[in-house]
Amino acid sequence: MKIAVVGTGYVGLFNAILLSQLYEVVSLDIVPDRVDSLSRRDSPIIYFKRMVLS
């Protein structure tokens, strides 16, 4: 089964990654820089670890 995911923001990209474990997935976005970044296998999502001060 082939699935298309529109939008590669936090929600769309996360869903595409999960669905790609079982199906063939194509993601679409209107931002050319984001598409180029994903083509180079660079993640547009940046994770910052929160520091807990006690």
Protein backbone atom coordinates (compact mmCIF):
# COMPACT_ATOMS: atom_id res chain seq x y z
CA MET A 1 0.00 0.00 0.00
CA LYS A 2 1.26 3.49 -0.83
CA ILE A 3 0.48 6.41 1.47
CA ALA A 4 0.98 10.15 0.87
CA VAL A 5 1.50 12.47 3.82
CA VAL A 6 0.97 16.17 3.15
CA GLY A 7 3.16 18.41 5.28
CA THR A 8 6.50 17.58 6.86
CA GLY A 9 6.23 19.53 10.07
CA TYR A 10 6.29 17.91 13.50
CA VAL A 11 3.02 16.01 13.03
CA GLY A 12 3.33 15.08 9.35
CA LEU A 13 6.93 13.94 9.53
CA PHE A 14 6.32 11.92 12.68
CA ASN A 15 3.34 10.17 11.08
CA ALA A 16 5.29 9.52 7.87
CA ILE A 17 8.13 7.93 9.82
CA LEU A 18 5.80 5.65 11.73
CA LEU A 19 3.78 4.67 8.66
CA SER A 20 6.96 3.97 6.67
CA GLN A 21 7.70 1.05 8.96
CA LEU A 22 4.80 -0.85 7.38
CA TYR A 23 3.99 0.93 4.11
CA GLU A 24 5.60 2.83 1.26
CA VAL A 25 5.24 6.52 2.15
CA VAL A 26 5.69 9.71 0.15
CA SER A 27 5.74 13.07 1.95
CA LEU A 28 4.81 16.36 0.30
CA ASP A 29 5.52 19.91 1.42
CA ILE A 30 5.28 23.39 -0.09
CA VAL A 31 8.57 24.57 1.49
CA PRO A 32 11.38 23.73 -0.97
CA ASP A 33 14.13 24.07 1.66
CA ARG A 34 12.46 21.48 3.88
CA VAL A 35 12.10 19.06 0.96
CA ASP A 36 15.78 19.51 0.05
CA SER A 37 16.77 18.96 3.68
CA LEU A 38 14.81 15.71 3.87
CA SER A 39 16.29 14.58 0.55
CA ARG A 40 19.74 14.96 2.14
CA ARG A 41 18.44 12.97 5.16
CA ASP A 42 18.76 15.97 7.49
CA SER A 43 16.07 16.17 10.14
CA PRO A 44 14.24 19.50 10.37
CA ILE A 45 13.20 18.63 13.92
CA ILE A 46 15.59 19.83 16.60
CA TYR A 47 15.34 18.28 20.05
CA PHE A 48 16.41 20.34 23.02
CA LYS A 49 16.84 18.50 26.28
CA ARG A 50 15.27 20.36 29.18
CA MET A 51 17.40 20.83 32.21
CA VAL A 52 15.61 20.27 35.49
CA LEU A 53 16.82 22.55 38.23
CA SER A 54 16.29 21.25 41.74
